[in-house]
Amino acid sequence: MTHEWHKSSYSGNTGHCVEVCEGVVTGVRDTQNRELGQLDVPAPEWTALLNAMRSW
């Protein structure tokens, strides 16, 4: 799977960043530990997670 990664807008400026790649499958990875791989989440579940976090 090819990803075009970008820093998540939710990461802020703390230096603890998350990179994401949205698509049919959303990839999520830690910028400081890229070698550990990524978490791939189906887009509907990713959207549900973000919506839940916004209402938290």
PDB file of N, CA and C in Angstrom:
ATOM      1  N   MET A   1       0.845  -1.176   0.000  1.00  0.00           N
ATOM      2  CA  MET A   1       0.000   0.000   0.000  1.00  0.00           C
ATOM      3  C   MET A   1       0.892   1.241   0.000  1.00  0.00           C
ATOM      4  N   THR A   2       0.665   2.142  -0.918  1.00  0.00           N
ATOM      5  CA  THR A   2       1.437   3.377  -0.996  1.00  0.00           C
ATOM      6  C   THR A   2       0.692   4.479  -0.258  1.00  0.00           C
ATOM      7  N   HIS A   3       1.402   5.147   0.617  1.00  0.00           N
ATOM      8  CA  HIS A   3       0.804   6.231   1.403  1.00  0.00           C
ATOM      9  C   HIS A   3       1.497   7.539   1.086  1.00  0.00           C
ATOM     10  N   GLU A   4       0.730   8.620   1.059  1.00  0.00           N
ATOM     11  CA  GLU A   4       1.284   9.966   1.040  1.00  0.00           C
ATOM     12  C   GLU A   4       1.028  10.538   2.421  1.00  0.00           C
ATOM     13  N   TRP A   5       2.069  10.534   3.229  1.00  0.00           N
ATOM     14  CA  TRP A   5       1.948  10.879   4.639  1.00  0.00           C
ATOM     15  C   TRP A   5       1.991  12.384   4.855  1.00  0.00           C
ATOM     16  N   HIS A   6       1.271  12.838   5.870  1.00  0.00           N
ATOM     17  CA  HIS A   6       1.349  14.231   6.317  1.00  0.00           C
ATOM     18  C   HIS A   6       1.098  14.263   7.816  1.00  0.00           C
ATOM     19  N   LYS A   7       1.614  15.295   8.451  1.00  0.00           N
ATOM     20  CA  LYS A   7       1.436  15.441   9.892  1.00  0.00           C
ATOM     21  C   LYS A   7      -0.028  15.702  10.204  1.00  0.00           C
ATOM     22  N   SER A   8      -0.546  15.013  11.166  1.00  0.00           N
ATOM     23  CA  SER A   8      -1.923  15.208  11.579  1.00  0.00           C
ATOM     24  C   SER A   8      -2.111  16.603  12.153  1.00  0.00           C
ATOM     25  N   SER A   9      -3.206  17.241  11.798  1.00  0.00           N
ATOM     26  CA  SER A   9      -3.497  18.569  12.345  1.00  0.00           C
ATOM     27  C   SER A   9      -3.777  18.496  13.840  1.00  0.00           C
ATOM     28  N   TYR A  10      -4.024  17.305  14.367  1.00  0.00           N
ATOM     29  CA  TYR A  10      -4.281  17.115  15.797  1.00  0.00           C
ATOM     30  C   TYR A  10      -2.995  16.996  16.612  1.00  0.00           C
ATOM     31  N   SER A  11      -1.833  16.937  15.945  1.00  0.00           N
ATOM     32  CA  SER A  11      -0.574  16.719  16.654  1.00  0.00           C
ATOM     33  C   SER A  11      -0.099  17.938  17.430  1.00  0.00           C
ATOM     34  N   GLY A  12      -0.461  19.121  16.995  1.00  0.00           N
ATOM     35  CA  GLY A  12      -0.008  20.327  17.670  1.00  0.00           C
ATOM     36  C   GLY A  12       1.472  20.554  17.456  1.00  0.00           C
ATOM     37  N   ASN A  13       2.094  21.323  18.347  1.00  0.00           N
ATOM     38  CA  ASN A  13       3.516  21.654  18.224  1.00  0.00           C
ATOM     39  C   ASN A  13       4.324  21.110  19.380  1.00  0.00           C
ATOM     40  N   THR A  14       3.962  19.946  19.878  1.00  0.00           N
ATOM     41  CA  THR A  14       4.635  19.394  21.051  1.00  0.00           C
ATOM     42  C   THR A  14       5.867  18.569  20.704  1.00  0.00           C
ATOM     43  N   GLY A  15       6.054  18.256  19.416  1.00  0.00           N
ATOM     44  CA  GLY A  15       7.153  17.383  19.023  1.00  0.00           C
ATOM     45  C   GLY A  15       6.768  15.918  19.027  1.00  0.00           C
ATOM     46  N   HIS A  16       5.600  15.605  19.570  1.00  0.00           N
ATOM     47  CA  HIS A  16       5.067  14.237  19.569  1.00  0.00           C
ATOM     48  C   HIS A  16       4.030  14.172  18.458  1.00  0.00           C
ATOM     49  N   CYS A  17       4.481  13.809  17.275  1.00  0.00           N
ATOM     50  CA  CYS A  17       3.631  13.921  16.098  1.00  0.00           C
ATOM     51  C   CYS A  17       3.133  12.580  15.595  1.00  0.00           C
ATOM     52  N   VAL A  18       1.967  12.648  15.011  1.00  0.00           N
ATOM     53  CA  VAL A  18       1.368  11.512  14.345  1.00  0.00           C
ATOM     54  C   VAL A  18       1.226  11.891  12.883  1.00  0.00           C
ATOM     55  N   GLU A  19       1.577  10.963  11.997  1.00  0.00           N
ATOM     56  CA  GLU A  19       1.374  11.172  10.574  1.00  0.00           C
ATOM     57  C   GLU A  19       0.210  10.307  10.131  1.00  0.00           C
ATOM     58  N   VAL A  20      -0.566  10.831   9.199  1.00  0.00           N
ATOM     59  CA  VAL A  20      -1.703  10.086   8.671  1.00  0.00           C
ATOM     60  C   VAL A  20      -1.704  10.138   7.152  1.00  0.00           C
ATOM     61  N   CYS A  21      -2.414   9.218   6.575  1.00  0.00           N
ATOM     62  CA  CYS A  21      -2.660   9.173   5.146  1.00  0.00           C
ATOM     63  C   CYS A  21      -4.092   8.714   4.962  1.00  0.00           C
ATOM     64  N   GLU A  22      -4.958   9.632   4.567  1.00  0.00           N
ATOM     65  CA  GLU A  22      -6.362   9.286   4.402  1.00  0.00           C
ATOM     66  C   GLU A  22      -6.617   8.699   3.024  1.00  0.00           C
ATOM     67  N   GLY A  23      -7.571   7.817   2.980  1.00  0.00           N
ATOM     68  CA  GLY A  23      -7.993   7.169   1.747  1.00  0.00           C
ATOM     69  C   GLY A  23      -9.014   6.111   2.095  1.00  0.00           C
ATOM     70  N   VAL A  24      -9.150   5.114   1.254  1.00  0.00           N
ATOM     71  CA  VAL A  24     -10.046   3.996   1.557  1.00  0.00           C
ATOM     72  C   VAL A  24      -9.620   3.353   2.870  1.00  0.00           C
ATOM     73  N   VAL A  25      -8.321   3.302   3.083  1.00  0.00           N
ATOM     74  CA  VAL A  25      -7.732   2.871   4.344  1.00  0.00           C
ATOM     75  C   VAL A  25      -6.883   4.027   4.842  1.00  0.00           C
ATOM     76  N   THR A  26      -7.063   4.417   6.090  1.00  0.00           N
ATOM     77  CA  THR A  26      -6.270   5.493   6.678  1.00  0.00           C
ATOM     78  C   THR A  26      -5.101   4.886   7.429  1.00  0.00           C
ATOM     79  N   GLY A  27      -3.904   5.334   7.070  1.00  0.00           N
ATOM     80  CA  GLY A  27      -2.698   4.891   7.759  1.00  0.00           C
ATOM     81  C   GLY A  27      -2.349   5.873   8.862  1.00  0.00           C
ATOM     82  N   VAL A  28      -1.884   5.359   9.995  1.00  0.00           N
ATOM     83  CA  VAL A  28      -1.495   6.184  11.140  1.00  0.00           C
ATOM     84  C   VAL A  28      -0.161   5.665  11.644  1.00  0.00           C
ATOM     85  N   ARG A  29       0.795   6.574  11.866  1.00  0.00           N
ATOM     86  CA  ARG A  29       2.095   6.162  12.402  1.00  0.00           C
ATOM     87  C   ARG A  29       2.699   7.277  13.251  1.00  0.00           C
ATOM     88  N   ASP A  30       3.607   6.897  14.106  1.00  0.00           N
ATOM     89  CA  ASP A  30       4.341   7.800  14.991  1.00  0.00           C
ATOM     90  C   ASP A  30       5.565   8.299  14.233  1.00  0.00           C
ATOM     91  N   THR A  31       5.732   9.625  14.138  1.00  0.00           N
ATOM     92  CA  THR A  31       6.861  10.164  13.390  1.00  0.00           C
ATOM     93  C   THR A  31       8.199   9.831  14.033  1.00  0.00           C
ATOM     94  N   GLN A  32       8.213   9.603  15.327  1.00  0.00           N
ATOM     95  CA  GLN A  32       9.477   9.307  16.008  1.00  0.00           C
ATOM     96  C   GLN A  32       9.821   7.820  15.976  1.00  0.00           C
ATOM     97  N   ASN A  33       8.893   6.988  15.530  1.00  0.00           N
ATOM     98  CA  ASN A  33       9.114   5.538  15.500  1.00  0.00           C
ATOM     99  C   ASN A  33       8.569   4.919  14.216  1.00  0.00           C
ATOM    100  N   ARG A  34       8.863   5.533  13.090  1.00  0.00           N
ATOM    101  CA  ARG A  34       8.341   5.043  11.808  1.00  0.00           C
ATOM    102  C   ARG A  34       8.729   3.594  11.531  1.00  0.00           C
ATOM    103  N   GLU A  35       9.892   3.191  12.028  1.00  0.00           N
ATOM    104  CA  GLU A  35      10.375   1.833  11.767  1.00  0.00           C
ATOM    105  C   GLU A  35       9.499   0.764  12.428  1.00  0.00           C
ATOM    106  N   LEU A  36       8.642   1.169  13.357  1.00  0.00           N
ATOM    107  CA  LEU A  36       7.758   0.219  14.026  1.00  0.00           C
ATOM    108  C   LEU A  36       6.496  -0.078  13.215  1.00  0.00           C
ATOM    109  N   GLY A  37       6.342   0.586  12.081  1.00  0.00           N
ATOM    110  CA  GLY A  37       5.210   0.309  11.216  1.00  0.00           C
ATOM    111  C   GLY A  37       4.079   1.293  11.397  1.00  0.00           C
ATOM    112  N   GLN A  38       2.917   0.867  10.970  1.00  0.00           N
ATOM    113  CA  GLN A  38       1.756   1.750  10.968  1.00  0.00           C
ATOM    114  C   GLN A  38       0.511   0.957  11.322  1.00  0.00           C
ATOM    115  N   LEU A  39      -0.501   1.696  11.656  1.00  0.00           N
ATOM    116  CA  LEU A  39      -1.813   1.127  11.912  1.00  0.00           C
ATOM    117  C   LEU A  39      -2.694   1.519  10.733  1.00  0.00           C
ATOM    118  N   ASP A  40      -3.276   0.548  10.053  1.00  0.00           N
ATOM    119  CA  ASP A  40      -4.187   0.815   8.940  1.00  0.00           C
ATOM    120  C   ASP A  40      -5.618   0.601   9.409  1.00  0.00           C
ATOM    121  N   VAL A  41      -6.439   1.634   9.203  1.00  0.00           N
ATOM    122  CA  VAL A  41      -7.814   1.625   9.693  1.00  0.00           C
ATOM    123  C   VAL A  41      -8.751   1.919   8.515  1.00  0.00           C
ATOM    124  N   PRO A  42      -9.801   1.118   8.317  1.00  0.00           N
ATOM    125  CA  PRO A  42     -10.773   1.441   7.269  1.00  0.00           C
ATOM    126  C   PRO A  42     -11.334   2.854   7.482  1.00  0.00           C
ATOM    127  N   ALA A  43     -11.517   3.582   6.410  1.00  0.00           N
ATOM    128  CA  ALA A  43     -11.923   4.984   6.476  1.00  0.00           C
ATOM    129  C   ALA A  43     -13.174   5.225   7.333  1.00  0.00           C
ATOM    130  N   PRO A  44     -14.224   4.412   7.231  1.00  0.00           N
ATOM    131  CA  PRO A  44     -15.409   4.689   8.076  1.00  0.00           C
ATOM    132  C   PRO A  44     -15.100   4.627   9.576  1.00  0.00           C
ATOM    133  N   GLU A  45     -14.243   3.702   9.976  1.00  0.00           N
ATOM    134  CA  GLU A  45     -13.876   3.595  11.390  1.00  0.00           C
ATOM    135  C   GLU A  45     -13.021   4.790  11.821  1.00  0.00           C
ATOM    136  N   TRP A  46     -12.145   5.250  10.938  1.00  0.00           N
ATOM    137  CA  TRP A  46     -11.314   6.432  11.232  1.00  0.00           C
ATOM    138  C   TRP A  46     -12.215   7.654  11.429  1.00  0.00           C
ATOM    139  N   THR A  47     -13.185   7.828  10.536  1.00  0.00           N
ATOM    140  CA  THR A  47     -14.115   8.950  10.641  1.00  0.00           C
ATOM    141  C   THR A  47     -14.909   8.864  11.937  1.00  0.00           C
ATOM    142  N   ALA A  48     -15.354   7.672  12.300  1.00  0.00           N
ATOM    143  CA  ALA A  48     -16.096   7.488  13.553  1.00  0.00           C
ATOM    144  C   ALA A  48     -15.233   7.857  14.757  1.00  0.00           C
ATOM    145  N   LEU A  49     -13.966   7.462  14.740  1.00  0.00           N
ATOM    146  CA  LEU A  49     -13.059   7.798  15.837  1.00  0.00           C
ATOM    147  C   LEU A  49     -12.899   9.312  15.963  1.00  0.00           C
ATOM    148  N   LEU A  50     -12.652   9.989  14.845  1.00  0.00           N
ATOM    149  CA  LEU A  50     -12.485  11.447  14.888  1.00  0.00           C
ATOM    150  C   LEU A  50     -13.753  12.133  15.385  1.00  0.00           C
ATOM    151  N   ASN A  51     -14.902  11.687  14.917  1.00  0.00           N
ATOM    152  CA  ASN A  51     -16.167  12.282  15.376  1.00  0.00           C
ATOM    153  C   ASN A  51     -16.368  12.062  16.870  1.00  0.00           C
ATOM    154  N   ALA A  52     -16.025  10.893  17.367  1.00  0.00           N
ATOM    155  CA  ALA A  52     -16.150  10.607  18.796  1.00  0.00           C
ATOM    156  C   ALA A  52     -15.207  11.498  19.602  1.00  0.00           C
ATOM    157  N   MET A  53     -13.998  11.711  19.101  1.00  0.00           N
ATOM    158  CA  MET A  53     -13.031  12.550  19.808  1.00  0.00           C
ATOM    159  C   MET A  53     -13.477  14.000  19.828  1.00  0.00           C
ATOM    160  N   ARG A  54     -14.084  14.451  18.759  1.00  0.00           N
ATOM    161  CA  ARG A  54     -14.549  15.840  18.701  1.00  0.00           C
ATOM    162  C   ARG A  54     -15.663  16.102  19.711  1.00  0.00           C
ATOM    163  N   SER A  55     -16.492  15.103  19.967  1.00  0.00           N
ATOM    164  CA  SER A  55     -17.609  15.287  20.886  1.00  0.00           C
ATOM    165  C   SER A  55     -17.256  14.959  22.333  1.00  0.00           C
ATOM    166  N   TRP A  56     -16.025  14.565  22.567  1.00  0.00           N
ATOM    167  CA  TRP A  56     -15.575  14.168  23.890  1.00  0.00           C
ATOM    168  C   TRP A  56     -15.399  15.317  24.794  1.00  0.00           C
TER     169      TRP A  56
END
